[in-house]
Protein backbone atom coordinates (compact mmCIF):
# COMPACT_ATOMS: atom_id res chain seq x y z
CA MET A 1 2.11 -17.51 12.79
CA ASN A 2 2.44 -18.11 9.13
CA ILE A 3 0.79 -16.06 6.41
CA ILE A 4 0.80 -17.79 3.03
CA ILE A 5 0.74 -15.23 0.16
CA LEU A 6 -0.52 -16.56 -3.20
CA ALA A 7 1.69 -14.86 -5.57
CA ALA A 8 2.10 -17.13 -8.73
CA GLY A 9 -0.06 -14.89 -10.98
CA ARG A 10 1.06 -12.79 -13.93
CA GLY A 11 -1.72 -10.14 -14.06
CA THR A 12 -2.12 -9.91 -17.77
CA ARG A 13 -4.94 -7.51 -17.45
CA LEU A 14 -2.50 -4.97 -16.12
CA GLY A 15 -0.47 -4.98 -19.57
CA LYS A 16 2.04 -2.60 -19.97
CA HIS A 17 1.64 -1.11 -16.71
CA ASN A 18 3.32 -4.09 -14.84
CA ASN A 19 6.15 -4.61 -17.49
CA ASN A 20 6.20 -8.36 -17.50
CA LYS A 21 6.59 -8.79 -13.57
CA PRO A 22 4.57 -10.77 -11.17
CA LYS A 23 1.29 -9.29 -10.51
CA CYS A 24 2.03 -8.60 -6.88
CA LEU A 25 4.89 -6.29 -7.93
CA PHE A 26 2.60 -3.76 -9.54
CA GLU A 27 3.47 -0.49 -8.15
CA ILE A 28 1.15 2.37 -6.83
CA ASN A 29 3.07 5.65 -6.10
CA GLY A 30 6.41 3.92 -6.17
CA LEU A 31 5.74 1.06 -3.87
CA SER A 32 4.42 -2.61 -4.80
CA LEU A 33 1.33 -4.22 -3.68
CA ILE A 34 3.19 -6.89 -1.89
CA GLU A 35 5.78 -4.58 -0.11
CA ARG A 36 2.86 -2.49 1.20
CA ASN A 37 1.19 -5.48 2.69
CA LEU A 38 4.36 -6.96 3.97
CA ILE A 39 4.75 -3.66 6.21
CA PHE A 40 1.41 -4.63 7.88
CA PHE A 41 2.60 -8.34 8.18
CA LYS A 42 5.77 -7.50 9.70
CA TYR A 43 4.14 -5.07 12.12
CA ALA A 44 1.72 -7.80 13.26
CA ASN A 45 4.66 -10.21 13.74
CA LEU A 46 3.44 -12.66 10.98
CA ASN A 47 5.85 -14.92 9.07
CA PRO A 48 5.32 -14.40 5.30
CA ILE A 49 5.55 -17.44 3.11
CA LEU A 50 5.51 -16.76 -0.68
CA VAL A 51 3.88 -19.15 -3.38
CA SER A 52 5.51 -17.90 -6.37
CA GLY A 53 4.95 -18.83 -10.17
CA PHE A 54 5.52 -16.29 -13.06
CA GLU A 55 8.90 -14.71 -13.12
CA LYS A 56 9.64 -16.04 -9.71
CA GLU A 57 13.36 -14.69 -9.77
CA LYS A 58 11.89 -11.13 -9.60
CA LEU A 59 10.48 -11.77 -6.13
CA HIS A 60 13.99 -13.03 -4.75
CA PHE A 61 14.77 -9.41 -3.39
CA LEU A 62 12.02 -9.86 -0.74
CA ASN A 63 14.10 -12.45 0.92
CA LEU A 64 11.14 -14.49 1.92
CA PRO A 65 10.63 -18.31 2.13
CA MET A 66 9.38 -19.13 -1.22
CA ILE A 67 7.69 -22.17 -2.69
CA TYR A 68 7.55 -22.42 -6.45
CA ASN A 69 4.25 -23.64 -8.28
CA SER A 70 6.00 -24.91 -11.32
CA GLU A 71 2.61 -25.51 -12.76
CA TYR A 72 1.25 -21.93 -12.49
CA LYS A 73 0.49 -21.65 -16.18
CA GLU A 74 -2.02 -24.63 -15.95
CA THR A 75 -3.38 -24.40 -12.42
CA ASN A 76 -5.09 -21.76 -10.19
CA MET A 77 -5.21 -20.44 -6.79
CA LEU A 78 -6.07 -23.55 -4.81
CA TRP A 79 -3.16 -25.61 -6.37
CA SER A 80 -0.84 -22.63 -5.33
CA LEU A 81 -2.13 -23.02 -1.72
CA TYR A 82 -1.69 -26.98 -1.96
CA GLN A 83 2.02 -26.37 -2.60
CA ALA A 84 2.17 -24.65 0.84
CA SER A 85 0.52 -27.47 2.92
CA ASP A 86 3.74 -27.87 4.73
CA TYR A 87 3.34 -24.59 6.43
CA MET A 88 -0.21 -25.42 7.80
CA ASN A 89 0.93 -27.17 11.15
CA GLU A 90 -0.16 -24.39 13.30
CA ASP A 91 -2.75 -21.75 12.71
CA PHE A 92 -2.22 -19.73 9.70
CA ILE A 93 -3.60 -16.91 7.40
CA VAL A 94 -3.84 -16.88 3.57
CA CYS A 95 -3.80 -13.62 1.56
CA TYR A 96 -4.08 -13.10 -2.19
CA SER A 97 -1.34 -10.89 -3.50
CA ASP A 98 -3.29 -8.48 -5.69
CA ILE A 99 -5.05 -6.99 -2.69
CA LEU A 100 -4.20 -4.19 -0.30
CA ILE A 101 -5.32 -4.23 3.25
CA ASN A 102 -4.69 -2.06 6.38
CA SER A 103 -2.98 -2.91 9.76
CA LEU A 104 -6.42 -3.01 11.57
CA LEU A 105 -7.53 -5.64 9.11
CA VAL A 106 -4.59 -7.87 9.94
CA LYS A 107 -4.92 -7.31 13.50
CA LYS A 108 -8.74 -8.31 13.39
CA LEU A 109 -7.94 -11.50 11.49
CA LYS A 110 -4.95 -12.46 13.59
CA SER A 111 -7.18 -12.30 16.70
CA PHE A 112 -9.67 -14.62 15.29
CA ASP A 113 -9.44 -18.06 16.85
CA ASN A 114 -12.65 -19.75 16.10
CA GLY A 115 -12.13 -22.11 13.31
CA ILE A 116 -11.99 -20.76 9.80
CA GLY A 117 -12.79 -17.19 9.24
CA LEU A 118 -13.19 -15.14 6.07
CA ILE A 119 -13.03 -11.39 5.90
CA ILE A 120 -15.98 -10.27 3.99
CA ASP A 121 -16.65 -6.68 2.93
CA LYS A 122 -20.13 -5.67 3.55
CA ASP A 123 -19.73 -2.30 2.13
CA TRP A 124 -18.89 -3.63 -1.55
CA LEU A 125 -21.34 -2.46 -4.00
CA GLU A 126 -20.50 1.20 -4.25
CA TYR A 127 -16.79 0.32 -4.67
CA TRP A 128 -17.79 -2.31 -7.39
CA GLN A 129 -19.65 0.44 -9.06
CA LEU A 130 -16.63 2.33 -9.40
CA ARG A 131 -14.63 -0.72 -10.64
CA PHE A 132 -17.36 -1.94 -13.30
CA ASP A 133 -20.07 -0.47 -15.29
CA ASP A 134 -22.15 -3.51 -14.25
CA PRO A 135 -20.99 -4.68 -10.79
CA LEU A 136 -22.53 -8.22 -11.54
CA ILE A 137 -19.87 -8.96 -14.22
CA ASP A 138 -17.37 -9.68 -11.35
CA ALA A 139 -19.48 -9.91 -8.15
CA GLU A 140 -19.84 -13.31 -6.64
CA SER A 141 -22.48 -14.94 -4.50
CA LEU A 142 -22.15 -14.52 -0.64
CA GLU A 143 -24.91 -15.96 1.61
CA VAL A 144 -24.64 -15.75 5.43
CA SER A 145 -26.82 -17.34 7.95
CA LYS A 146 -28.20 -15.46 10.87
CA ASP A 147 -25.46 -16.70 12.97
CA GLY A 148 -22.75 -15.45 10.82
CA PHE A 149 -21.88 -18.73 9.06
CA ILE A 150 -21.19 -18.82 5.30
CA LEU A 151 -23.80 -20.93 3.31
CA ASP A 152 -22.72 -20.04 -0.30
CA ILE A 153 -19.72 -18.31 -1.95
CA GLY A 154 -17.96 -17.78 -5.17
CA LYS A 155 -20.87 -18.28 -7.60
CA LYS A 156 -21.82 -16.16 -10.61
CA VAL A 157 -25.27 -14.30 -9.73
CA ASN A 158 -27.66 -12.02 -11.72
CA GLU A 159 -29.25 -10.44 -8.80
CA ILE A 160 -27.47 -7.99 -6.26
CA SER A 161 -29.97 -9.10 -3.60
CA LYS A 162 -28.22 -12.55 -3.57
CA ILE A 163 -24.97 -10.90 -2.49
CA GLN A 164 -24.50 -10.22 1.29
CA GLY A 165 -20.99 -8.96 0.73
CA GLN A 166 -17.71 -9.84 -0.98
CA TYR A 167 -15.09 -12.18 0.05
CA ILE A 168 -11.72 -10.31 -0.40
CA GLY A 169 -9.20 -13.05 -0.45
CA PHE A 170 -7.86 -12.76 3.14
CA PHE A 171 -8.86 -15.49 5.62
CA LYS A 172 -7.66 -17.54 8.79
CA VAL A 173 -7.49 -21.27 9.51
CA SER A 174 -7.32 -21.81 13.44
CA GLY A 175 -7.91 -24.36 16.23
CA LYS A 176 -9.50 -27.76 15.57
CA ASP A 177 -10.51 -26.94 12.12
CA ARG A 178 -6.81 -26.39 10.91
CA LEU A 179 -5.83 -30.10 10.63
CA LEU A 180 -9.28 -30.94 9.15
CA PHE A 181 -8.69 -28.14 6.42
CA LYS A 182 -5.31 -29.21 5.68
CA ASP A 183 -6.26 -32.92 5.34
CA LYS A 184 -9.18 -32.08 2.98
CA LEU A 185 -7.00 -29.84 0.99
CA ILE A 186 -4.45 -32.41 0.31
CA ASP A 187 -7.09 -35.20 -0.33
CA TYR A 188 -8.91 -32.83 -2.76
CA CYS A 189 -5.69 -32.27 -4.55
CA GLU A 190 -4.29 -35.80 -4.49
CA ASN A 191 -7.31 -37.86 -5.02
CA LYS A 192 -8.02 -39.14 -8.38
CA LYS A 193 -11.52 -38.29 -8.35
CA THR A 194 -11.05 -34.62 -7.74
CA ASN A 195 -7.44 -33.82 -8.73
CA HIS A 196 -8.41 -32.67 -12.18
CA ILE A 197 -10.82 -30.40 -10.59
CA ALA A 198 -8.43 -29.09 -8.01
CA ARG A 199 -5.89 -28.15 -10.47
CA LYS A 200 -8.07 -25.59 -12.04
CA ALA A 201 -10.25 -24.53 -8.91
CA TYR A 202 -10.44 -21.16 -7.37
CA LEU A 203 -10.24 -20.96 -3.68
CA THR A 204 -13.84 -20.29 -3.19
CA ASP A 205 -14.64 -23.48 -5.07
CA PHE A 206 -12.85 -25.35 -2.34
CA LEU A 207 -14.36 -23.27 0.46
CA GLN A 208 -17.83 -24.07 -0.96
CA TYR A 209 -16.69 -27.63 -1.03
CA LEU A 210 -15.95 -27.74 2.63
CA ILE A 211 -19.35 -25.84 3.36
CA ASN A 212 -21.11 -28.65 1.54
CA ASP A 213 -19.22 -31.18 3.64
CA ASP A 214 -20.63 -29.68 6.81
CA LEU A 215 -17.42 -27.55 7.89
CA LYS A 216 -18.32 -24.19 9.47
CA ILE A 217 -16.82 -21.18 7.92
CA LYS A 218 -17.33 -17.94 9.86
CA GLU A 219 -17.90 -14.51 8.38
CA ILE A 220 -15.57 -11.74 9.78
CA PRO A 221 -17.39 -8.56 8.30
CA ILE A 222 -15.52 -5.43 7.58
CA ASN A 223 -16.61 -2.29 5.61
CA GLY A 224 -14.12 -1.22 3.03
CA ASP A 225 -10.43 -0.89 4.22
CA TRP A 226 -9.07 -2.87 1.23
CA ILE A 227 -8.68 -2.71 -2.47
CA GLU A 228 -8.28 -5.27 -5.31
CA ILE A 229 -6.06 -4.55 -8.30
CA ASP A 230 -6.97 -6.47 -11.51
CA ASN A 231 -6.54 -3.76 -13.99
CA HIS A 232 -5.36 -0.23 -14.33
CA ASN A 233 -9.04 1.18 -13.77
CA ASP A 234 -8.95 -0.41 -10.35
CA VAL A 235 -6.30 2.03 -9.32
CA ASN A 236 -8.70 4.86 -10.27
CA ALA A 237 -11.49 3.26 -8.41
CA ALA A 238 -9.29 2.81 -5.49
CA LYS A 239 -8.54 6.53 -5.41
CA LYS A 240 -12.09 7.72 -6.24
CA SER A 241 -13.34 5.54 -3.35
CA GLY A 242 -10.93 7.01 -0.82
CA ARG A 243 -9.94 3.50 0.03
CA LEU A 244 -6.38 3.84 -1.35
CA SER A 245 -5.63 7.10 0.70
CA LYS A 246 -6.64 5.44 4.00
CA ILE A 247 -4.40 2.53 3.30
CA GLU A 248 -1.46 5.09 2.32
CA ARG A 249 -1.89 6.84 5.51
CA ASP A 250 -1.67 3.65 7.41
CA VAL A 251 1.43 2.59 5.74
CA ASN A 252 3.15 5.93 6.31
CA ARG A 253 2.22 5.76 9.94
CA ILE A 254 3.74 2.44 10.51
CA MET A 255 6.82 3.28 8.47
CA ASN A 256 7.44 6.44 10.66
CA LYS A 257 6.61 4.64 13.88
CA ASN A 258 9.15 1.81 13.10
CA ASN A 259 11.66 3.80 11.02
CA LEU A 260 11.21 1.51 8.04
């Protein structure tokens, strides 16, 4: 199964801490974000496909199939995913490259086989309070139906009560909905009516577009077990929350088990 890793970003908010490298190469305790996640992906027998952009040459050492988003400066996450549409001919997973996850999360998502499933952190608020003075500065809307389908995602909100979790940038497309997802992605990016929107769109914009078009997207709930790195303060939040230490233990366990 392919896992498409969206790694075109520069990570300007990391500043000098990332030394002019792709964001996914930001290091914590001597190991980059992407190298940690690749340990989990390899353990789960997934096939990583990298969508690169900024300083793509610095990713060659990973020895992964790579697609270059040559317009990374002018486009956003959705456009990077569109570049990888040739790798969507079977069930696939999409992962942002500025997050860290663990092996159980990968296993949970890989086993999902009921259409489109998004990992949603239900235990997000305390973590966001460590990351931001005001969690609503960054938090986005997430509304879920009683039967677990996402109704609204990715909008700015002014009330925490309107947030039933946070989308983490890790999802799977499977079964009969895979071809529909791929076709709608290509049409959205190539159609003259929507092309200009698609180029600047976030993935949540496209997911909401699919929901509005009556495509069912399922919530896969979790409680923690991941972190996001947008700036250096996020490293401190990851440590204070205890999330980073759990991921580190999981990395070490798998590396020792597999002599990596």
